[in-house]
Amino acid sequence: MFVSELTRKLKTTPYYWKWVIISFHNAIQSLMVMSLQGTNGLLTLKKKSEEAWLKSYYEGSQNRSKLELDNFLNLYDKIKSTNHLSFEHSKQYCPPGNQDFSVKTLNSLRNDFIHFGSRFWSVEISGLPKIILDCLDIAIFQCEFSGTIFFTDSRPREPLLNELYNQNVFFGELKVEYEKLAEQAR
């Protein structure tokens, strides 16, 4: 997993936070899409694309080439709703803490890194481990508890879950380390 290669470098090179944020955003988005895809993938699309797909389908047309994936925050709202629960055992995501704030912050930081303008700016990294921990909670829930992502022999669940839990431990330790450094600086 690319993210784990990046996270190992954070302890010595904080500049890797940019790439960790971008990678985690992508990983969380991918898991939300996997969770929402159901049998037709419509919940992963923007409303306009969903309507175009349905129109094309009912007209018997195969012209479905301009479909757009919904944005990150809308996908997050969708995994929190009951609309995507296609199976009896499926569960919606109910944030147990500050996940809403952390998801918005992760999305904002990622967008700033990807769509940056000509400017000087810095990011306070002391709160980033907590943001990543909150987002890992979402990822772990989607993989282990939502009942909406199906794993097969060709797409096994255990290696992904092991990596997510390893990242959870790493960022928990990093959070404590950053808190100690902040306390020493006071």
N, C-alpha and C. Protein backbone atom coordinates (compact mmCIF):
# COMPACT_ATOMS: atom_id res chain seq x y z
N MET A 1 0.84 -1.18 0.00
CA MET A 1 0.00 0.00 0.00
C MET A 1 0.89 1.24 0.00
N PHE A 2 0.66 2.12 -0.95
CA PHE A 2 1.46 3.33 -1.12
C PHE A 2 1.45 4.20 0.13
N VAL A 3 0.31 4.28 0.78
CA VAL A 3 0.18 5.14 1.97
C VAL A 3 1.16 4.69 3.05
N SER A 4 1.32 3.38 3.26
CA SER A 4 2.21 2.91 4.32
C SER A 4 3.66 3.28 4.02
N GLU A 5 4.04 3.30 2.76
CA GLU A 5 5.40 3.73 2.41
C GLU A 5 5.60 5.20 2.78
N LEU A 6 4.59 6.00 2.55
CA LEU A 6 4.69 7.42 2.87
C LEU A 6 4.70 7.67 4.37
N THR A 7 3.84 6.96 5.10
CA THR A 7 3.73 7.23 6.53
C THR A 7 5.03 6.91 7.26
N ARG A 8 5.76 5.91 6.81
CA ARG A 8 7.03 5.58 7.46
C ARG A 8 8.02 6.75 7.37
N LYS A 9 7.88 7.57 6.36
CA LYS A 9 8.80 8.68 6.16
C LYS A 9 8.42 9.93 6.96
N LEU A 10 7.22 9.93 7.53
CA LEU A 10 6.75 11.12 8.26
C LEU A 10 7.58 11.45 9.49
N LYS A 11 8.08 10.45 10.16
CA LYS A 11 8.83 10.69 11.40
C LYS A 11 10.09 11.51 11.16
N THR A 12 10.69 11.33 9.98
CA THR A 12 11.93 12.05 9.70
C THR A 12 11.75 13.21 8.73
N THR A 13 10.68 13.17 7.95
CA THR A 13 10.48 14.20 6.93
C THR A 13 9.01 14.64 6.92
N PRO A 14 8.68 15.69 7.67
CA PRO A 14 7.29 16.15 7.74
C PRO A 14 6.71 16.61 6.39
N TYR A 15 7.57 16.89 5.43
CA TYR A 15 7.08 17.32 4.12
C TYR A 15 6.24 16.24 3.44
N TYR A 16 6.37 15.02 3.90
CA TYR A 16 5.57 13.93 3.33
C TYR A 16 4.09 14.03 3.73
N TRP A 17 3.75 14.92 4.66
CA TRP A 17 2.34 15.07 5.02
C TRP A 17 1.48 15.40 3.81
N LYS A 18 2.03 16.20 2.91
CA LYS A 18 1.27 16.55 1.70
C LYS A 18 0.83 15.28 0.98
N TRP A 19 1.74 14.36 0.79
CA TRP A 19 1.46 13.14 0.03
C TRP A 19 0.60 12.16 0.83
N VAL A 20 0.78 12.17 2.14
CA VAL A 20 -0.07 11.33 3.00
C VAL A 20 -1.52 11.82 2.92
N ILE A 21 -1.71 13.12 2.97
CA ILE A 21 -3.06 13.68 2.89
C ILE A 21 -3.71 13.34 1.55
N ILE A 22 -2.97 13.54 0.47
CA ILE A 22 -3.51 13.23 -0.86
C ILE A 22 -3.83 11.74 -0.98
N SER A 23 -2.94 10.90 -0.49
CA SER A 23 -3.14 9.45 -0.58
C SER A 23 -4.29 8.96 0.29
N PHE A 24 -4.39 9.50 1.51
CA PHE A 24 -5.49 9.10 2.38
C PHE A 24 -6.83 9.55 1.80
N HIS A 25 -6.87 10.72 1.25
CA HIS A 25 -8.09 11.20 0.61
C HIS A 25 -8.52 10.23 -0.47
N ASN A 26 -7.57 9.83 -1.31
CA ASN A 26 -7.86 8.90 -2.39
C ASN A 26 -8.32 7.54 -1.85
N ALA A 27 -7.65 7.06 -0.82
CA ALA A 27 -8.00 5.76 -0.24
C ALA A 27 -9.40 5.78 0.37
N ILE A 28 -9.71 6.84 1.12
CA ILE A 28 -11.04 6.94 1.73
C ILE A 28 -12.11 7.07 0.65
N GLN A 29 -11.83 7.87 -0.36
CA GLN A 29 -12.79 8.02 -1.47
C GLN A 29 -13.03 6.67 -2.16
N SER A 30 -11.98 5.93 -2.39
CA SER A 30 -12.12 4.62 -3.04
C SER A 30 -12.97 3.67 -2.20
N LEU A 31 -12.77 3.67 -0.90
CA LEU A 31 -13.56 2.80 -0.03
C LEU A 31 -15.02 3.24 0.02
N MET A 32 -15.26 4.55 -0.01
CA MET A 32 -16.64 5.02 -0.03
C MET A 32 -17.32 4.60 -1.34
N VAL A 33 -16.60 4.69 -2.44
CA VAL A 33 -17.16 4.27 -3.74
C VAL A 33 -17.44 2.77 -3.72
N MET A 34 -16.51 1.98 -3.19
CA MET A 34 -16.75 0.54 -3.10
C MET A 34 -17.98 0.24 -2.27
N SER A 35 -18.16 1.00 -1.20
CA SER A 35 -19.29 0.79 -0.31
C SER A 35 -20.61 1.19 -0.95
N LEU A 36 -20.59 2.20 -1.80
CA LEU A 36 -21.81 2.73 -2.40
C LEU A 36 -22.16 2.10 -3.75
N GLN A 37 -21.25 1.35 -4.34
CA GLN A 37 -21.48 0.89 -5.71
C GLN A 37 -22.66 -0.04 -5.87
N GLY A 38 -23.01 -0.80 -4.86
CA GLY A 38 -24.16 -1.69 -4.96
C GLY A 38 -24.11 -2.53 -6.23
N THR A 39 -25.25 -2.73 -6.87
CA THR A 39 -25.28 -3.55 -8.07
C THR A 39 -25.22 -2.72 -9.36
N ASN A 40 -25.43 -1.39 -9.24
CA ASN A 40 -25.42 -0.60 -10.47
C ASN A 40 -24.50 0.62 -10.40
N GLY A 41 -23.96 0.95 -9.25
CA GLY A 41 -23.02 2.06 -9.12
C GLY A 41 -23.63 3.45 -9.16
N LEU A 42 -24.94 3.57 -9.20
CA LEU A 42 -25.56 4.87 -9.35
C LEU A 42 -25.32 5.80 -8.17
N LEU A 43 -25.23 5.26 -6.97
CA LEU A 43 -25.02 6.12 -5.80
C LEU A 43 -23.64 6.77 -5.77
N THR A 44 -22.74 6.29 -6.59
CA THR A 44 -21.41 6.87 -6.64
C THR A 44 -21.35 8.09 -7.56
N LEU A 45 -22.41 8.32 -8.32
CA LEU A 45 -22.41 9.36 -9.34
C LEU A 45 -23.05 10.67 -8.85
N LYS A 46 -22.66 11.76 -9.52
CA LYS A 46 -23.38 13.01 -9.33
C LYS A 46 -24.80 12.83 -9.81
N LYS A 47 -25.71 13.59 -9.26
CA LYS A 47 -27.15 13.46 -9.58
C LYS A 47 -27.39 13.55 -11.09
N LYS A 48 -26.77 14.50 -11.75
CA LYS A 48 -26.94 14.69 -13.19
C LYS A 48 -26.49 13.44 -13.96
N SER A 49 -25.39 12.85 -13.55
CA SER A 49 -24.89 11.63 -14.21
C SER A 49 -25.81 10.45 -13.93
N GLU A 50 -26.31 10.37 -12.71
CA GLU A 50 -27.25 9.30 -12.36
C GLU A 50 -28.49 9.39 -13.25
N GLU A 51 -29.02 10.58 -13.38
CA GLU A 51 -30.21 10.77 -14.22
C GLU A 51 -29.92 10.44 -15.68
N ALA A 52 -28.76 10.84 -16.18
CA ALA A 52 -28.38 10.54 -17.57
C ALA A 52 -28.23 9.03 -17.77
N TRP A 53 -27.63 8.35 -16.78
CA TRP A 53 -27.47 6.90 -16.88
C TRP A 53 -28.83 6.21 -16.94
N LEU A 54 -29.72 6.61 -16.04
CA LEU A 54 -31.05 5.99 -16.01
C LEU A 54 -31.82 6.26 -17.30
N LYS A 55 -31.74 7.48 -17.81
CA LYS A 55 -32.41 7.81 -19.07
C LYS A 55 -31.86 6.93 -20.19
N SER A 56 -30.54 6.84 -20.26
CA SER A 56 -29.89 6.02 -21.28
C SER A 56 -30.30 4.55 -21.14
N TYR A 57 -30.34 4.08 -19.92
CA TYR A 57 -30.70 2.68 -19.67
C TYR A 57 -32.13 2.39 -20.13
N TYR A 58 -33.06 3.25 -19.72
CA TYR A 58 -34.46 3.01 -20.08
C TYR A 58 -34.75 3.20 -21.56
N GLU A 59 -33.91 3.98 -22.22
CA GLU A 59 -34.05 4.15 -23.67
C GLU A 59 -33.33 3.05 -24.45
N GLY A 60 -32.61 2.19 -23.74
CA GLY A 60 -31.89 1.11 -24.40
C GLY A 60 -30.60 1.55 -25.06
N SER A 61 -30.13 2.73 -24.71
CA SER A 61 -28.90 3.27 -25.29
C SER A 61 -27.69 2.79 -24.49
N GLN A 62 -26.57 2.71 -25.16
CA GLN A 62 -25.31 2.35 -24.48
C GLN A 62 -24.43 3.58 -24.24
N ASN A 63 -24.94 4.77 -24.52
CA ASN A 63 -24.17 6.01 -24.39
C ASN A 63 -24.11 6.43 -22.92
N ARG A 64 -23.15 5.90 -22.22
CA ARG A 64 -22.99 6.22 -20.80
C ARG A 64 -21.57 6.69 -20.51
N SER A 65 -20.96 7.34 -21.46
CA SER A 65 -19.53 7.66 -21.35
C SER A 65 -19.19 8.91 -20.55
N LYS A 66 -20.14 9.78 -20.29
CA LYS A 66 -19.82 11.03 -19.61
C LYS A 66 -20.32 11.05 -18.16
N LEU A 67 -20.17 9.96 -17.48
CA LEU A 67 -20.61 9.87 -16.09
C LEU A 67 -19.55 10.46 -15.18
N GLU A 68 -19.99 11.23 -14.18
CA GLU A 68 -19.07 11.85 -13.25
C GLU A 68 -19.27 11.32 -11.84
N LEU A 69 -18.16 10.94 -11.23
CA LEU A 69 -18.17 10.51 -9.84
C LEU A 69 -18.57 11.68 -8.95
N ASP A 70 -19.40 11.42 -7.96
CA ASP A 70 -19.82 12.47 -7.03
C ASP A 70 -18.60 12.96 -6.24
N ASN A 71 -18.71 14.15 -5.69
CA ASN A 71 -17.57 14.69 -4.96
C ASN A 71 -17.42 14.01 -3.60
N PHE A 72 -16.26 14.19 -3.02
CA PHE A 72 -15.85 13.51 -1.80
C PHE A 72 -16.83 13.71 -0.65
N LEU A 73 -17.22 14.95 -0.40
CA LEU A 73 -18.11 15.22 0.73
C LEU A 73 -19.51 14.66 0.51
N ASN A 74 -19.98 14.64 -0.73
CA ASN A 74 -21.27 14.02 -1.02
C ASN A 74 -21.21 12.52 -0.82
N LEU A 75 -20.10 11.89 -1.24
CA LEU A 75 -19.94 10.46 -1.01
C LEU A 75 -19.96 10.16 0.49
N TYR A 76 -19.30 11.01 1.26
CA TYR A 76 -19.29 10.83 2.71
C TYR A 76 -20.71 10.93 3.28
N ASP A 77 -21.46 11.92 2.83
CA ASP A 77 -22.86 12.04 3.28
C ASP A 77 -23.67 10.79 2.91
N LYS A 78 -23.40 10.24 1.75
CA LYS A 78 -24.14 9.07 1.29
C LYS A 78 -23.86 7.83 2.14
N ILE A 79 -22.61 7.64 2.60
CA ILE A 79 -22.34 6.46 3.43
C ILE A 79 -22.96 6.61 4.82
N LYS A 80 -23.30 7.85 5.19
CA LYS A 80 -23.97 8.08 6.48
C LYS A 80 -25.49 7.93 6.37
N SER A 81 -26.00 7.83 5.17
CA SER A 81 -27.45 7.71 5.00
C SER A 81 -27.84 6.23 4.91
N THR A 82 -29.13 5.97 4.96
CA THR A 82 -29.61 4.59 4.84
C THR A 82 -29.96 4.23 3.40
N ASN A 83 -29.81 5.17 2.48
CA ASN A 83 -30.19 4.93 1.08
C ASN A 83 -29.36 3.85 0.38
N HIS A 84 -28.16 3.60 0.84
CA HIS A 84 -27.30 2.64 0.15
C HIS A 84 -27.31 1.24 0.79
N LEU A 85 -28.18 1.02 1.74
CA LEU A 85 -28.20 -0.25 2.44
C LEU A 85 -29.04 -1.26 1.67
N SER A 86 -28.39 -1.92 0.73
CA SER A 86 -29.09 -2.84 -0.16
C SER A 86 -29.32 -4.21 0.46
N PHE A 87 -28.62 -4.51 1.52
CA PHE A 87 -28.67 -5.85 2.09
C PHE A 87 -29.11 -5.78 3.55
N GLU A 88 -29.73 -6.83 4.00
CA GLU A 88 -30.27 -6.87 5.35
C GLU A 88 -29.22 -6.59 6.42
N HIS A 89 -28.02 -7.07 6.20
CA HIS A 89 -26.95 -6.92 7.18
C HIS A 89 -26.15 -5.62 7.02
N SER A 90 -26.45 -4.81 6.02
CA SER A 90 -25.71 -3.57 5.77
C SER A 90 -25.98 -2.54 6.85
N LYS A 91 -24.94 -1.72 7.12
CA LYS A 91 -25.07 -0.68 8.14
C LYS A 91 -24.55 0.65 7.60
N GLN A 92 -25.23 1.72 7.97
CA GLN A 92 -24.77 3.05 7.61
C GLN A 92 -23.65 3.45 8.57
N TYR A 93 -22.84 4.40 8.14
CA TYR A 93 -21.78 4.91 9.00
C TYR A 93 -22.33 6.02 9.89
N CYS A 94 -22.16 5.86 11.19
CA CYS A 94 -22.57 6.88 12.16
C CYS A 94 -21.31 7.38 12.86
N PRO A 95 -20.87 8.57 12.55
CA PRO A 95 -19.61 9.07 13.12
C PRO A 95 -19.63 9.09 14.64
N PRO A 96 -18.66 8.43 15.29
CA PRO A 96 -18.64 8.38 16.75
C PRO A 96 -17.98 9.60 17.40
N GLY A 97 -17.37 10.46 16.58
CA GLY A 97 -16.65 11.61 17.15
C GLY A 97 -16.62 12.77 16.19
N ASN A 98 -15.42 13.25 15.94
CA ASN A 98 -15.23 14.44 15.10
C ASN A 98 -14.96 14.10 13.64
N GLN A 99 -15.45 12.96 13.18
CA GLN A 99 -15.17 12.54 11.81
C GLN A 99 -15.68 13.54 10.78
N ASP A 100 -16.83 14.14 11.02
CA ASP A 100 -17.36 15.12 10.05
C ASP A 100 -16.35 16.26 9.85
N PHE A 101 -15.86 16.80 10.93
CA PHE A 101 -14.85 17.87 10.86
C PHE A 101 -13.59 17.38 10.16
N SER A 102 -13.13 16.19 10.54
CA SER A 102 -11.89 15.66 9.98
C SER A 102 -12.00 15.38 8.49
N VAL A 103 -13.14 14.88 8.06
CA VAL A 103 -13.34 14.61 6.63
C VAL A 103 -13.34 15.93 5.86
N LYS A 104 -14.00 16.94 6.38
CA LYS A 104 -14.02 18.24 5.71
C LYS A 104 -12.61 18.84 5.66
N THR A 105 -11.87 18.69 6.75
CA THR A 105 -10.50 19.22 6.79
C THR A 105 -9.60 18.47 5.82
N LEU A 106 -9.69 17.14 5.82
CA LEU A 106 -8.90 16.34 4.88
C LEU A 106 -9.20 16.75 3.44
N ASN A 107 -10.48 16.91 3.14
CA ASN A 107 -10.89 17.30 1.79
C ASN A 107 -10.36 18.69 1.43
N SER A 108 -10.45 19.61 2.36
CA SER A 108 -9.98 20.97 2.12
C SER A 108 -8.46 21.00 1.90
N LEU A 109 -7.73 20.30 2.76
CA LEU A 109 -6.27 20.25 2.61
C LEU A 109 -5.87 19.59 1.29
N ARG A 110 -6.52 18.49 0.97
CA ARG A 110 -6.23 17.80 -0.29
C ARG A 110 -6.49 18.73 -1.47
N ASN A 111 -7.62 19.42 -1.45
CA ASN A 111 -7.93 20.34 -2.55
C ASN A 111 -6.91 21.47 -2.64
N ASP A 112 -6.48 21.98 -1.49
CA ASP A 112 -5.45 23.02 -1.50
C ASP A 112 -4.14 22.51 -2.09
N PHE A 113 -3.78 21.28 -1.75
CA PHE A 113 -2.55 20.71 -2.30
C PHE A 113 -2.65 20.42 -3.79
N ILE A 114 -3.80 19.97 -4.24
CA ILE A 114 -3.98 19.59 -5.64
C ILE A 114 -4.23 20.82 -6.52
N HIS A 115 -5.02 21.75 -6.04
CA HIS A 115 -5.44 22.91 -6.83
C HIS A 115 -4.83 24.20 -6.29
N PHE A 116 -3.58 24.13 -5.88
CA PHE A 116 -2.97 25.30 -5.25
C PHE A 116 -2.76 26.43 -6.25
N GLY A 117 -2.85 27.63 -5.72
CA GLY A 117 -2.54 28.81 -6.51
C GLY A 117 -1.14 29.28 -6.15
N SER A 118 -0.77 30.37 -6.72
CA SER A 118 0.53 30.94 -6.44
C SER A 118 0.45 31.68 -5.10
N ARG A 119 0.97 31.04 -4.06
CA ARG A 119 0.91 31.64 -2.73
C ARG A 119 1.89 30.94 -1.81
N PHE A 120 2.13 31.56 -0.68
CA PHE A 120 2.93 30.95 0.37
C PHE A 120 1.99 30.57 1.48
N TRP A 121 2.12 29.36 1.96
CA TRP A 121 1.28 28.94 3.07
C TRP A 121 1.97 27.79 3.79
N SER A 122 1.59 27.60 5.03
CA SER A 122 2.12 26.49 5.81
C SER A 122 0.95 25.79 6.48
N VAL A 123 1.19 24.55 6.85
CA VAL A 123 0.16 23.73 7.49
C VAL A 123 0.66 23.34 8.87
N GLU A 124 -0.15 23.57 9.88
CA GLU A 124 0.18 23.14 11.24
C GLU A 124 -0.05 21.63 11.30
N ILE A 125 1.02 20.87 11.49
CA ILE A 125 0.91 19.40 11.41
C ILE A 125 0.49 18.74 12.71
N SER A 126 0.48 19.46 13.82
CA SER A 126 0.22 18.81 15.11
C SER A 126 -1.15 18.15 15.17
N GLY A 127 -2.15 18.66 14.46
CA GLY A 127 -3.48 18.06 14.50
C GLY A 127 -3.74 17.03 13.40
N LEU A 128 -2.79 16.87 12.50
CA LEU A 128 -3.01 15.97 11.36
C LEU A 128 -3.16 14.49 11.76
N PRO A 129 -2.39 13.98 12.74
CA PRO A 129 -2.61 12.58 13.10
C PRO A 129 -4.05 12.30 13.56
N LYS A 130 -4.65 13.22 14.30
CA LYS A 130 -6.04 13.03 14.75
C LYS A 130 -6.99 13.00 13.55
N ILE A 131 -6.77 13.86 12.59
CA ILE A 131 -7.60 13.88 11.38
C ILE A 131 -7.49 12.55 10.64
N ILE A 132 -6.28 12.05 10.52
CA ILE A 132 -6.08 10.76 9.84
C ILE A 132 -6.71 9.63 10.66
N LEU A 133 -6.58 9.67 11.97
CA LEU A 133 -7.21 8.64 12.82
C LEU A 133 -8.73 8.63 12.63
N ASP A 134 -9.33 9.81 12.57
CA ASP A 134 -10.78 9.88 12.34
C ASP A 134 -11.15 9.28 10.99
N CYS A 135 -10.33 9.56 9.98
CA CYS A 135 -10.61 9.02 8.64
C CYS A 135 -10.35 7.52 8.58
N LEU A 136 -9.39 7.04 9.34
CA LEU A 136 -9.17 5.60 9.43
C LEU A 136 -10.37 4.89 10.05
N ASP A 137 -11.04 5.55 10.98
CA ASP A 137 -12.25 4.98 11.57
C ASP A 137 -13.29 4.72 10.47
N ILE A 138 -13.42 5.65 9.55
CA ILE A 138 -14.35 5.49 8.43
C ILE A 138 -13.93 4.32 7.56
N ALA A 139 -12.65 4.25 7.24
CA ALA A 139 -12.13 3.18 6.38
C ALA A 139 -12.34 1.81 7.02
N ILE A 140 -12.02 1.70 8.29
CA ILE A 140 -12.17 0.43 8.99
C ILE A 140 -13.65 0.02 9.03
N PHE A 141 -14.50 0.99 9.33
CA PHE A 141 -15.94 0.68 9.35
C PHE A 141 -16.40 0.17 7.98
N GLN A 142 -16.02 0.86 6.93
CA GLN A 142 -16.47 0.45 5.60
C GLN A 142 -16.01 -0.96 5.26
N CYS A 143 -14.79 -1.29 5.63
CA CYS A 143 -14.24 -2.62 5.29
C CYS A 143 -14.76 -3.73 6.19
N GLU A 144 -14.89 -3.44 7.47
CA GLU A 144 -15.17 -4.51 8.41
C GLU A 144 -16.62 -4.60 8.88
N PHE A 145 -17.31 -3.48 8.96
CA PHE A 145 -18.62 -3.49 9.62
C PHE A 145 -19.80 -3.07 8.76
N SER A 146 -19.58 -2.39 7.65
CA SER A 146 -20.70 -1.84 6.87
C SER A 146 -21.50 -2.92 6.16
N GLY A 147 -20.87 -4.02 5.79
CA GLY A 147 -21.56 -5.06 5.04
C GLY A 147 -21.91 -4.63 3.63
N THR A 148 -21.24 -3.59 3.13
CA THR A 148 -21.53 -3.09 1.78
C THR A 148 -20.37 -3.30 0.81
N ILE A 149 -19.22 -3.72 1.31
CA ILE A 149 -18.07 -4.00 0.45
C ILE A 149 -17.87 -5.51 0.45
N PHE A 150 -17.84 -6.07 -0.73
CA PHE A 150 -17.68 -7.51 -0.85
C PHE A 150 -16.27 -7.86 -1.27
N PHE A 151 -15.69 -8.75 -0.53
CA PHE A 151 -14.34 -9.20 -0.79
C PHE A 151 -14.40 -10.60 -1.36
N THR A 152 -13.47 -10.89 -2.25
CA THR A 152 -13.39 -12.21 -2.88
C THR A 152 -11.96 -12.73 -2.74
N ASP A 153 -11.72 -13.90 -3.27
CA ASP A 153 -10.36 -14.44 -3.24
C ASP A 153 -9.39 -13.54 -3.99
N SER A 154 -9.87 -12.91 -5.05
CA SER A 154 -8.99 -12.02 -5.82
C SER A 154 -8.88 -10.64 -5.18
N ARG A 155 -9.75 -10.33 -4.26
CA ARG A 155 -9.72 -9.06 -3.52
C ARG A 155 -9.93 -9.38 -2.05
N PRO A 156 -8.89 -9.91 -1.40
CA PRO A 156 -9.05 -10.35 -0.01
C PRO A 156 -9.17 -9.18 0.96
N ARG A 157 -9.90 -9.41 2.03
CA ARG A 157 -10.18 -8.39 3.03
C ARG A 157 -9.06 -8.26 4.06
N GLU A 158 -8.52 -9.37 4.49
CA GLU A 158 -7.58 -9.36 5.62
C GLU A 158 -6.34 -8.48 5.41
N PRO A 159 -5.66 -8.54 4.27
CA PRO A 159 -4.49 -7.66 4.12
C PRO A 159 -4.84 -6.18 4.22
N LEU A 160 -5.98 -5.79 3.68
CA LEU A 160 -6.41 -4.40 3.76
C LEU A 160 -6.72 -4.02 5.20
N LEU A 161 -7.47 -4.87 5.89
CA LEU A 161 -7.79 -4.57 7.30
C LEU A 161 -6.52 -4.51 8.15
N ASN A 162 -5.61 -5.44 7.93
CA ASN A 162 -4.35 -5.42 8.69
C ASN A 162 -3.61 -4.10 8.47
N GLU A 163 -3.57 -3.65 7.21
CA GLU A 163 -2.89 -2.39 6.92
C GLU A 163 -3.60 -1.22 7.58
N LEU A 164 -4.93 -1.22 7.54
CA LEU A 164 -5.68 -0.13 8.18
C LEU A 164 -5.43 -0.10 9.68
N TYR A 165 -5.43 -1.25 10.33
CA TYR A 165 -5.17 -1.29 11.77
C TYR A 165 -3.72 -0.91 12.09
N ASN A 166 -2.77 -1.30 11.22
CA ASN A 166 -1.38 -0.89 11.42
C ASN A 166 -1.24 0.63 11.31
N GLN A 167 -1.93 1.21 10.34
CA GLN A 167 -1.92 2.67 10.19
C GLN A 167 -2.55 3.33 11.41
N ASN A 168 -3.58 2.72 11.94
CA ASN A 168 -4.25 3.25 13.13
C ASN A 168 -3.27 3.30 14.31
N VAL A 169 -2.50 2.25 14.49
CA VAL A 169 -1.49 2.22 15.56
C VAL A 169 -0.43 3.28 15.31
N PHE A 170 0.07 3.35 14.08
CA PHE A 170 1.12 4.32 13.74
C PHE A 170 0.66 5.75 14.03
N PHE A 171 -0.53 6.11 13.56
CA PHE A 171 -0.99 7.49 13.74
C PHE A 171 -1.39 7.77 15.19
N GLY A 172 -1.81 6.74 15.92
CA GLY A 172 -2.05 6.92 17.35
C GLY A 172 -0.76 7.27 18.07
N GLU A 173 0.31 6.56 17.74
CA GLU A 173 1.62 6.84 18.34
C GLU A 173 2.14 8.22 17.91
N LEU A 174 1.94 8.55 16.64
CA LEU A 174 2.39 9.85 16.13
C LEU A 174 1.62 10.99 16.80
N LYS A 175 0.35 10.79 17.05
CA LYS A 175 -0.47 11.79 17.74
C LYS A 175 0.09 12.06 19.13
N VAL A 176 0.41 10.98 19.87
CA VAL A 176 0.99 11.13 21.21
C VAL A 176 2.34 11.85 21.13
N GLU A 177 3.15 11.47 20.17
CA GLU A 177 4.46 12.11 20.00
C GLU A 177 4.32 13.60 19.71
N TYR A 178 3.40 13.97 18.83
CA TYR A 178 3.17 15.38 18.51
C TYR A 178 2.63 16.14 19.72
N GLU A 179 1.78 15.50 20.51
CA GLU A 179 1.25 16.15 21.71
C GLU A 179 2.35 16.42 22.71
N LYS A 180 3.28 15.48 22.85
CA LYS A 180 4.43 15.67 23.77
C LYS A 180 5.29 16.82 23.31
N LEU A 181 5.55 16.88 22.00
CA LEU A 181 6.37 17.97 21.45
C LEU A 181 5.68 19.32 21.65
N ALA A 182 4.38 19.36 21.48
CA ALA A 182 3.64 20.60 21.68
C ALA A 182 3.69 21.02 23.15
N GLU A 183 3.59 20.07 24.05
CA GLU A 183 3.66 20.36 25.49
C GLU A 183 5.04 20.90 25.86
N GLN A 184 6.08 20.31 25.29
CA GLN A 184 7.45 20.77 25.56
C GLN A 184 7.68 22.18 25.04
N ALA A 185 7.02 22.52 23.96
CA ALA A 185 7.20 23.84 23.35
C ALA A 185 6.53 24.95 24.14
N ARG A 186 5.61 24.60 25.00
CA ARG A 186 4.87 25.62 25.79
C ARG A 186 5.68 26.17 26.91
